[in-house]
Amino acid sequence: MKILAVALPKVRICAVGHWPADRIDKDGFLILDSVVQKELAEIASLVSYECKEQIFAQATPAQYIYIPHSGAVRVAHQLADGRNQIVAFYMPGEPFGLGENGVYLNSACALTDCLLIRVPRAALDALCAHEPRLQQDCLVGAMAQLRLSQRHLLIVTHQRVLKRVADFLLECSRQQEVFDPVKNVLNLIMDRSDIADYLGTSVETISRTLGKLEEDGLMKRLDSRSLWLDLSKLTNLLNN
């Protein structure tokens, strides 16, 4: 991890829930006013992590909240039997690291090289105490974490692995950083092992399922990480 001695970039938080049109920009991020941006810049810092580098460990003190500026983050929970369950992938604007009772419930590592805005929890709490607007905006971050947890739960409860994988691909297609809506091409930033851990299955099953989806014309593998998707057929699969 490196702390970058540069001016903090504009903080972007994905807008979750119902907001007035003038509070959301064209990319779906919450518009924070200049006062809030300035106050955040005084307490936050920009940090960089290399791919696969750990950001924090499960059950350690939750000192910071993080907001991805670029790149992606993988968050996982170590189960009692030692297995890791990936619970979410975080993209730019999706805050993570809220913790509970002062500790992180999960571990986090960089899925790609990434830049994160790191905000000390104590300083943020103090700032929110006298800045109601910021308190409201930070609630969006908590809602974003809840939304991702709910999405993960909905995906893994599909009894058929075929539907789990289809739902996962559709969820990825909603991320503008990795999906080209003109060409309908998804650039996977996670490997099949990550996908298997996220969906609660094996790497072999993921490979067979992708082959079945390709055979049925719902997707096409362009290379090891790039997939052409037929979004309408994937959606129909989920609805049937």
C-alpha atoms as a PDB file:
ATOM      1  CA  MET A   1       0.000   0.000   0.000  1.00  0.00           C
ATOM      2  CA  LYS A   2       1.200   3.485  -0.843  1.00  0.00           C
ATOM      3  CA  ILE A   3      -0.198   6.760   0.430  1.00  0.00           C
ATOM      4  CA  LEU A   4      -0.145   9.193  -2.478  1.00  0.00           C
ATOM      5  CA  ALA A   5       0.875  12.761  -1.721  1.00  0.00           C
ATOM      6  CA  VAL A   6      -1.543  14.297  -4.204  1.00  0.00           C
ATOM      7  CA  ALA A   7      -4.746  16.286  -4.003  1.00  0.00           C
ATOM      8  CA  LEU A   8      -7.718  14.086  -3.215  1.00  0.00           C
ATOM      9  CA  PRO A   9      -9.854  13.448  -6.318  1.00  0.00           C
ATOM     10  CA  LYS A  10     -13.546  14.242  -6.181  1.00  0.00           C
ATOM     11  CA  VAL A  11     -15.300  11.706  -3.965  1.00  0.00           C
ATOM     12  CA  ARG A  12     -17.898   9.662  -5.869  1.00  0.00           C
ATOM     13  CA  ILE A  13     -20.498   7.509  -4.134  1.00  0.00           C
ATOM     14  CA  CYS A  14     -22.935   5.336  -6.080  1.00  0.00           C
ATOM     15  CA  ALA A  15     -26.468   6.629  -5.603  1.00  0.00           C
ATOM     16  CA  VAL A  16     -28.622   3.950  -3.976  1.00  0.00           C
ATOM     17  CA  GLY A  17     -32.328   4.354  -3.409  1.00  0.00           C
ATOM     18  CA  HIS A  18     -34.554   7.191  -4.577  1.00  0.00           C
ATOM     19  CA  TRP A  19     -32.922  10.592  -5.025  1.00  0.00           C
ATOM     20  CA  PRO A  20     -33.994  13.807  -6.778  1.00  0.00           C
ATOM     21  CA  ALA A  21     -32.644  13.997 -10.311  1.00  0.00           C
ATOM     22  CA  ASP A  22     -30.451  16.982  -9.432  1.00  0.00           C
ATOM     23  CA  ARG A  23     -28.605  14.912  -6.779  1.00  0.00           C
ATOM     24  CA  ILE A  24     -27.378  12.268  -9.243  1.00  0.00           C
ATOM     25  CA  ASP A  25     -24.902  12.783 -12.095  1.00  0.00           C
ATOM     26  CA  LYS A  26     -25.093  11.174 -15.539  1.00  0.00           C
ATOM     27  CA  ASP A  27     -23.005   8.182 -14.388  1.00  0.00           C
ATOM     28  CA  GLY A  28     -25.235   7.364 -11.436  1.00  0.00           C
ATOM     29  CA  PHE A  29     -23.082   8.883  -8.683  1.00  0.00           C
ATOM     30  CA  LEU A  30     -24.404  11.007  -5.857  1.00  0.00           C
ATOM     31  CA  ILE A  31     -23.529  14.684  -6.278  1.00  0.00           C
ATOM     32  CA  LEU A  32     -21.765  15.892  -3.121  1.00  0.00           C
ATOM     33  CA  ASP A  33     -21.716  19.651  -2.669  1.00  0.00           C
ATOM     34  CA  SER A  34     -18.464  21.615  -2.546  1.00  0.00           C
ATOM     35  CA  VAL A  35     -18.547  22.016   1.243  1.00  0.00           C
ATOM     36  CA  VAL A  36     -18.814  18.267   1.824  1.00  0.00           C
ATOM     37  CA  GLN A  37     -16.092  17.577  -0.768  1.00  0.00           C
ATOM     38  CA  LYS A  38     -13.797  20.080   0.962  1.00  0.00           C
ATOM     39  CA  GLU A  39     -14.404  18.597   4.424  1.00  0.00           C
ATOM     40  CA  LEU A  40     -13.778  15.075   3.176  1.00  0.00           C
ATOM     41  CA  ALA A  41     -10.566  16.196   1.476  1.00  0.00           C
ATOM     42  CA  GLU A  42      -9.294  17.448   4.846  1.00  0.00           C
ATOM     43  CA  ILE A  43      -9.603  14.035   6.536  1.00  0.00           C
ATOM     44  CA  ALA A  44      -9.217  11.512   3.703  1.00  0.00           C
ATOM     45  CA  SER A  45      -6.209  10.325   1.732  1.00  0.00           C
ATOM     46  CA  LEU A  46      -5.655   8.588  -1.594  1.00  0.00           C
ATOM     47  CA  VAL A  47      -3.972   5.177  -1.302  1.00  0.00           C
ATOM     48  CA  SER A  48      -2.898   2.697  -3.964  1.00  0.00           C
ATOM     49  CA  TYR A  49      -2.874  -1.098  -3.786  1.00  0.00           C
ATOM     50  CA  GLU A  50      -1.398  -3.580  -6.200  1.00  0.00           C
ATOM     51  CA  CYS A  51      -3.416  -6.507  -7.524  1.00  0.00           C
ATOM     52  CA  LYS A  52      -3.900  -9.226  -4.833  1.00  0.00           C
ATOM     53  CA  GLU A  53      -2.568  -6.965  -2.054  1.00  0.00           C
ATOM     54  CA  GLN A  54      -4.508  -7.186   1.195  1.00  0.00           C
ATOM     55  CA  ILE A  55      -6.337  -4.043   2.301  1.00  0.00           C
ATOM     56  CA  PHE A  56      -7.526  -5.259   5.699  1.00  0.00           C
ATOM     57  CA  ALA A  57      -8.007  -8.563   7.514  1.00  0.00           C
ATOM     58  CA  GLN A  58     -11.097 -10.059   9.081  1.00  0.00           C
ATOM     59  CA  ALA A  59     -11.532  -9.433  12.834  1.00  0.00           C
ATOM     60  CA  THR A  60      -8.995  -6.570  12.929  1.00  0.00           C
ATOM     61  CA  PRO A  61      -9.877  -3.049  14.162  1.00  0.00           C
ATOM     62  CA  ALA A  62     -12.040  -1.213  11.635  1.00  0.00           C
ATOM     63  CA  GLN A  63     -10.031   2.000  11.483  1.00  0.00           C
ATOM     64  CA  TYR A  64     -10.948   3.159   7.974  1.00  0.00           C
ATOM     65  CA  ILE A  65     -13.770   3.263   5.488  1.00  0.00           C
ATOM     66  CA  TYR A  66     -12.761   2.948   1.836  1.00  0.00           C
ATOM     67  CA  ILE A  67     -14.278   4.242  -1.392  1.00  0.00           C
ATOM     68  CA  PRO A  68     -12.791   2.850  -4.640  1.00  0.00           C
ATOM     69  CA  HIS A  69     -11.761   5.574  -7.072  1.00  0.00           C
ATOM     70  CA  SER A  70     -10.499   3.158  -9.716  1.00  0.00           C
ATOM     71  CA  GLY A  71     -10.029  -0.580  -9.955  1.00  0.00           C
ATOM     72  CA  ALA A  72     -11.929  -3.257  -8.045  1.00  0.00           C
ATOM     73  CA  VAL A  73     -11.845  -4.890  -4.617  1.00  0.00           C
ATOM     74  CA  ARG A  74     -12.743  -8.399  -3.473  1.00  0.00           C
ATOM     75  CA  VAL A  75     -14.265  -8.860  -0.008  1.00  0.00           C
ATOM     76  CA  ALA A  76     -14.384 -12.336   1.546  1.00  0.00           C
ATOM     77  CA  HIS A  77     -15.352 -13.997   4.824  1.00  0.00           C
ATOM     78  CA  GLN A  78     -13.372 -16.863   6.300  1.00  0.00           C
ATOM     79  CA  LEU A  79     -15.743 -19.577   7.489  1.00  0.00           C
ATOM     80  CA  ALA A  80     -15.249 -21.676  10.606  1.00  0.00           C
ATOM     81  CA  ASP A  81     -13.961 -24.606   8.523  1.00  0.00           C
ATOM     82  CA  GLY A  82     -11.268 -22.421   6.948  1.00  0.00           C
ATOM     83  CA  ARG A  83     -12.945 -21.913   3.582  1.00  0.00           C
ATOM     84  CA  ASN A  84     -13.258 -18.437   2.099  1.00  0.00           C
ATOM     85  CA  GLN A  85     -16.638 -17.198   0.894  1.00  0.00           C
ATOM     86  CA  ILE A  86     -16.433 -14.189  -1.394  1.00  0.00           C
ATOM     87  CA  VAL A  87     -19.304 -11.917  -0.393  1.00  0.00           C
ATOM     88  CA  ALA A  88     -18.914  -8.970  -2.775  1.00  0.00           C
ATOM     89  CA  PHE A  89     -16.889  -7.288  -5.484  1.00  0.00           C
ATOM     90  CA  TYR A  90     -16.646  -3.517  -5.042  1.00  0.00           C
ATOM     91  CA  MET A  91     -16.286  -1.127  -7.952  1.00  0.00           C
ATOM     92  CA  PRO A  92     -15.664   2.657  -8.072  1.00  0.00           C
ATOM     93  CA  GLY A  93     -18.071   4.590  -5.878  1.00  0.00           C
ATOM     94  CA  GLU A  94     -19.121   1.611  -3.728  1.00  0.00           C
ATOM     95  CA  PRO A  95     -17.925   2.197  -0.130  1.00  0.00           C
ATOM     96  CA  PHE A  96     -16.780  -0.769   1.948  1.00  0.00           C
ATOM     97  CA  GLY A  97     -15.225  -1.488   5.325  1.00  0.00           C
ATOM     98  CA  LEU A  98     -18.045  -0.305   7.589  1.00  0.00           C
ATOM     99  CA  GLY A  99     -17.353  -3.072  10.129  1.00  0.00           C
ATOM    100  CA  GLU A 100     -19.351  -3.953  13.231  1.00  0.00           C
ATOM    101  CA  ASN A 101     -18.579  -3.379  16.906  1.00  0.00           C
ATOM    102  CA  GLY A 102     -15.311  -1.771  15.909  1.00  0.00           C
ATOM    103  CA  VAL A 103     -13.901  -4.659  13.829  1.00  0.00           C
ATOM    104  CA  TYR A 104     -14.005  -5.729  10.194  1.00  0.00           C
ATOM    105  CA  LEU A 105     -16.387  -8.637   9.612  1.00  0.00           C
ATOM    106  CA  ASN A 106     -14.585  -9.632   6.417  1.00  0.00           C
ATOM    107  CA  SER A 107     -11.206  -9.321   4.747  1.00  0.00           C
ATOM    108  CA  ALA A 108     -10.555  -7.248   1.649  1.00  0.00           C
ATOM    109  CA  CYS A 109      -7.913  -7.365  -1.053  1.00  0.00           C
ATOM    110  CA  ALA A 110      -7.332  -5.603  -4.346  1.00  0.00           C
ATOM    111  CA  LEU A 111      -8.810  -7.558  -7.239  1.00  0.00           C
ATOM    112  CA  THR A 112      -6.912  -5.281  -9.640  1.00  0.00           C
ATOM    113  CA  ASP A 113      -4.439  -2.466  -9.168  1.00  0.00           C
ATOM    114  CA  CYS A 114      -6.620   0.162  -7.556  1.00  0.00           C
ATOM    115  CA  LEU A 115      -6.817   3.614  -6.050  1.00  0.00           C
ATOM    116  CA  LEU A 116      -8.909   3.987  -2.914  1.00  0.00           C
ATOM    117  CA  ILE A 117     -10.068   6.995  -0.952  1.00  0.00           C
ATOM    118  CA  ARG A 118      -9.352   6.092   2.679  1.00  0.00           C
ATOM    119  CA  VAL A 119     -11.310   7.880   5.395  1.00  0.00           C
ATOM    120  CA  PRO A 120     -10.444   7.438   9.105  1.00  0.00           C
ATOM    121  CA  ARG A 121     -13.583   6.219  10.847  1.00  0.00           C
ATOM    122  CA  ALA A 122     -13.120   8.402  13.966  1.00  0.00           C
ATOM    123  CA  ALA A 123     -12.640  11.555  11.896  1.00  0.00           C
ATOM    124  CA  LEU A 124     -15.646  10.731   9.721  1.00  0.00           C
ATOM    125  CA  ASP A 125     -17.843  10.126  12.780  1.00  0.00           C
ATOM    126  CA  ALA A 126     -16.790  13.483  14.218  1.00  0.00           C
ATOM    127  CA  LEU A 127     -17.460  15.226  10.923  1.00  0.00           C
ATOM    128  CA  CYS A 128     -20.894  13.639  10.551  1.00  0.00           C
ATOM    129  CA  ALA A 129     -21.822  14.774  14.056  1.00  0.00           C
ATOM    130  CA  HIS A 130     -21.911  18.418  12.961  1.00  0.00           C
ATOM    131  CA  GLU A 131     -22.573  18.004   9.241  1.00  0.00           C
ATOM    132  CA  PRO A 132     -26.061  16.492   8.686  1.00  0.00           C
ATOM    133  CA  ARG A 133     -25.681  16.513   4.908  1.00  0.00           C
ATOM    134  CA  LEU A 134     -22.604  14.330   5.093  1.00  0.00           C
ATOM    135  CA  GLN A 135     -24.318  11.981   7.523  1.00  0.00           C
ATOM    136  CA  GLN A 136     -27.112  11.496   5.017  1.00  0.00           C
ATOM    137  CA  ASP A 137     -24.682  10.949   2.154  1.00  0.00           C
ATOM    138  CA  CYS A 138     -22.676   8.408   4.169  1.00  0.00           C
ATOM    139  CA  LEU A 139     -25.882   6.478   4.749  1.00  0.00           C
ATOM    140  CA  VAL A 140     -25.839   5.841   1.011  1.00  0.00           C
ATOM    141  CA  GLY A 141     -22.586   3.956   1.506  1.00  0.00           C
ATOM    142  CA  ALA A 142     -24.176   1.715   4.109  1.00  0.00           C
ATOM    143  CA  MET A 143     -27.119   1.136   1.766  1.00  0.00           C
ATOM    144  CA  ALA A 144     -24.688   0.227  -1.034  1.00  0.00           C
ATOM    145  CA  GLN A 145     -23.091  -2.450   1.156  1.00  0.00           C
ATOM    146  CA  LEU A 146     -26.515  -3.801   2.046  1.00  0.00           C
ATOM    147  CA  ARG A 147     -27.532  -3.857  -1.616  1.00  0.00           C
ATOM    148  CA  LEU A 148     -24.466  -5.891  -2.582  1.00  0.00           C
ATOM    149  CA  SER A 149     -25.092  -8.336   0.257  1.00  0.00           C
ATOM    150  CA  GLN A 150     -28.696  -8.737  -0.848  1.00  0.00           C
ATOM    151  CA  ARG A 151     -27.640  -9.250  -4.471  1.00  0.00           C
ATOM    152  CA  HIS A 152     -25.172 -11.942  -3.424  1.00  0.00           C
ATOM    153  CA  LEU A 153     -27.817 -13.706  -1.350  1.00  0.00           C
ATOM    154  CA  LEU A 154     -30.297 -13.626  -4.232  1.00  0.00           C
ATOM    155  CA  ILE A 155     -27.748 -15.026  -6.683  1.00  0.00           C
ATOM    156  CA  VAL A 156     -26.508 -17.932  -4.560  1.00  0.00           C
ATOM    157  CA  THR A 157     -30.046 -19.030  -3.643  1.00  0.00           C
ATOM    158  CA  HIS A 158     -30.727 -20.115  -7.236  1.00  0.00           C
ATOM    159  CA  GLN A 159     -30.881 -23.903  -7.055  1.00  0.00           C
ATOM    160  CA  ARG A 160     -29.573 -24.292 -10.590  1.00  0.00           C
ATOM    161  CA  VAL A 161     -25.954 -23.264 -11.074  1.00  0.00           C
ATOM    162  CA  LEU A 162     -26.861 -22.269 -14.621  1.00  0.00           C
ATOM    163  CA  LYS A 163     -29.086 -19.519 -13.231  1.00  0.00           C
ATOM    164  CA  ARG A 164     -26.464 -18.449 -10.682  1.00  0.00           C
ATOM    165  CA  VAL A 165     -23.903 -17.908 -13.427  1.00  0.00           C
ATOM    166  CA  ALA A 166     -26.419 -16.156 -15.693  1.00  0.00           C
ATOM    167  CA  ASP A 167     -27.457 -13.840 -12.858  1.00  0.00           C
ATOM    168  CA  PHE A 168     -23.803 -13.128 -12.051  1.00  0.00           C
ATOM    169  CA  LEU A 169     -23.059 -12.193 -15.681  1.00  0.00           C
ATOM    170  CA  LEU A 170     -26.083  -9.887 -15.776  1.00  0.00           C
ATOM    171  CA  GLU A 171     -24.989  -8.236 -12.534  1.00  0.00           C
ATOM    172  CA  CYS A 172     -21.504  -7.645 -13.990  1.00  0.00           C
ATOM    173  CA  SER A 173     -23.057  -6.165 -17.148  1.00  0.00           C
ATOM    174  CA  ARG A 174     -24.502  -3.343 -15.014  1.00  0.00           C
ATOM    175  CA  GLN A 175     -20.994  -2.126 -14.172  1.00  0.00           C
ATOM    176  CA  GLN A 176     -19.935   0.461 -16.737  1.00  0.00           C
ATOM    177  CA  GLU A 177     -16.243  -0.050 -15.896  1.00  0.00           C
ATOM    178  CA  VAL A 178     -16.265  -3.617 -17.229  1.00  0.00           C
ATOM    179  CA  PHE A 179     -19.119  -3.793 -19.768  1.00  0.00           C
ATOM    180  CA  ASP A 180     -19.315  -2.292 -23.255  1.00  0.00           C
ATOM    181  CA  PRO A 181     -23.054  -1.856 -23.965  1.00  0.00           C
ATOM    182  CA  VAL A 182     -22.426  -1.114 -27.645  1.00  0.00           C
ATOM    183  CA  LYS A 183     -20.597  -4.386 -28.313  1.00  0.00           C
ATOM    184  CA  ASN A 184     -22.271  -6.296 -25.449  1.00  0.00           C
ATOM    185  CA  VAL A 185     -18.824  -7.382 -24.298  1.00  0.00           C
ATOM    186  CA  LEU A 186     -18.025  -8.063 -20.654  1.00  0.00           C
ATOM    187  CA  ASN A 187     -14.398  -7.944 -19.487  1.00  0.00           C
ATOM    188  CA  LEU A 188     -14.206 -10.156 -16.416  1.00  0.00           C
ATOM    189  CA  ILE A 189     -11.814  -8.774 -13.809  1.00  0.00           C
ATOM    190  CA  MET A 190     -12.069 -11.861 -11.614  1.00  0.00           C
ATOM    191  CA  ASP A 191     -10.841 -15.355 -12.428  1.00  0.00           C
ATOM    192  CA  ARG A 192     -12.948 -18.519 -12.340  1.00  0.00           C
ATOM    193  CA  SER A 193     -11.744 -19.354  -8.864  1.00  0.00           C
ATOM    194  CA  ASP A 194     -13.138 -16.029  -7.602  1.00  0.00           C
ATOM    195  CA  ILE A 195     -16.420 -16.634  -9.425  1.00  0.00           C
ATOM    196  CA  ALA A 196     -16.684 -20.128  -7.943  1.00  0.00           C
ATOM    197  CA  ASP A 197     -16.059 -18.844  -4.409  1.00  0.00           C
ATOM    198  CA  TYR A 198     -18.638 -16.106  -4.929  1.00  0.00           C
ATOM    199  CA  LEU A 199     -21.305 -18.452  -6.295  1.00  0.00           C
ATOM    200  CA  GLY A 200     -20.639 -21.289  -3.858  1.00  0.00           C
ATOM    201  CA  THR A 201     -19.516 -23.898  -6.357  1.00  0.00           C
ATOM    202  CA  SER A 202     -16.330 -25.289  -7.955  1.00  0.00           C
ATOM    203  CA  VAL A 203     -14.077 -23.999 -10.714  1.00  0.00           C
ATOM    204  CA  GLU A 204     -14.897 -27.086 -12.781  1.00  0.00           C
ATOM    205  CA  THR A 205     -18.619 -26.385 -12.472  1.00  0.00           C
ATOM    206  CA  ILE A 206     -18.106 -22.765 -13.541  1.00  0.00           C
ATOM    207  CA  SER A 207     -16.197 -23.915 -16.639  1.00  0.00           C
ATOM    208  CA  ARG A 208     -18.899 -26.462 -17.561  1.00  0.00           C
ATOM    209  CA  THR A 209     -21.664 -23.913 -17.008  1.00  0.00           C
ATOM    210  CA  LEU A 210     -20.012 -21.272 -19.165  1.00  0.00           C
ATOM    211  CA  GLY A 211     -19.656 -23.940 -21.849  1.00  0.00           C
ATOM    212  CA  LYS A 212     -23.361 -24.743 -21.598  1.00  0.00           C
ATOM    213  CA  LEU A 213     -24.339 -21.065 -21.844  1.00  0.00           C
ATOM    214  CA  GLU A 214     -22.122 -20.705 -24.907  1.00  0.00           C
ATOM    215  CA  GLU A 215     -23.541 -23.864 -26.476  1.00  0.00           C
ATOM    216  CA  ASP A 216     -27.056 -22.469 -26.023  1.00  0.00           C
ATOM    217  CA  GLY A 217     -26.111 -19.132 -27.601  1.00  0.00           C
ATOM    218  CA  LEU A 218     -26.429 -16.998 -24.460  1.00  0.00           C
ATOM    219  CA  MET A 219     -22.785 -15.932 -24.528  1.00  0.00           C
ATOM    220  CA  LYS A 220     -19.567 -16.364 -26.457  1.00  0.00           C
ATOM    221  CA  ARG A 221     -16.032 -16.490 -25.116  1.00  0.00           C
ATOM    222  CA  LEU A 222     -13.858 -14.060 -27.082  1.00  0.00           C
ATOM    223  CA  ASP A 223     -10.789 -14.811 -24.952  1.00  0.00           C
ATOM    224  CA  SER A 224     -10.063 -15.979 -21.393  1.00  0.00           C
ATOM    225  CA  ARG A 225     -11.584 -12.846 -19.838  1.00  0.00           C
ATOM    226  CA  SER A 226     -13.809 -11.300 -22.534  1.00  0.00           C
ATOM    227  CA  LEU A 227     -17.363 -12.547 -23.069  1.00  0.00           C
ATOM    228  CA  TRP A 228     -20.007 -11.483 -25.556  1.00  0.00           C
ATOM    229  CA  LEU A 229     -23.398 -11.608 -23.821  1.00  0.00           C
ATOM    230  CA  ASP A 230     -26.925 -11.947 -25.144  1.00  0.00           C
ATOM    231  CA  LEU A 231     -28.595  -9.987 -22.359  1.00  0.00           C
ATOM    232  CA  SER A 232     -32.157 -10.753 -23.429  1.00  0.00           C
ATOM    233  CA  LYS A 233     -31.566 -14.508 -23.500  1.00  0.00           C
ATOM    234  CA  LEU A 234     -29.783 -14.435 -20.129  1.00  0.00           C
ATOM    235  CA  THR A 235     -32.709 -12.491 -18.661  1.00  0.00           C
ATOM    236  CA  ASN A 236     -35.208 -14.954 -20.143  1.00  0.00           C
ATOM    237  CA  LEU A 237     -33.289 -17.829 -18.576  1.00  0.00           C
ATOM    238  CA  LEU A 238     -33.661 -16.258 -15.145  1.00  0.00           C
ATOM    239  CA  ASN A 239     -37.363 -15.605 -15.605  1.00  0.00           C
ATOM    240  CA  ASN A 240     -38.223 -19.151 -16.691  1.00  0.00           C
END
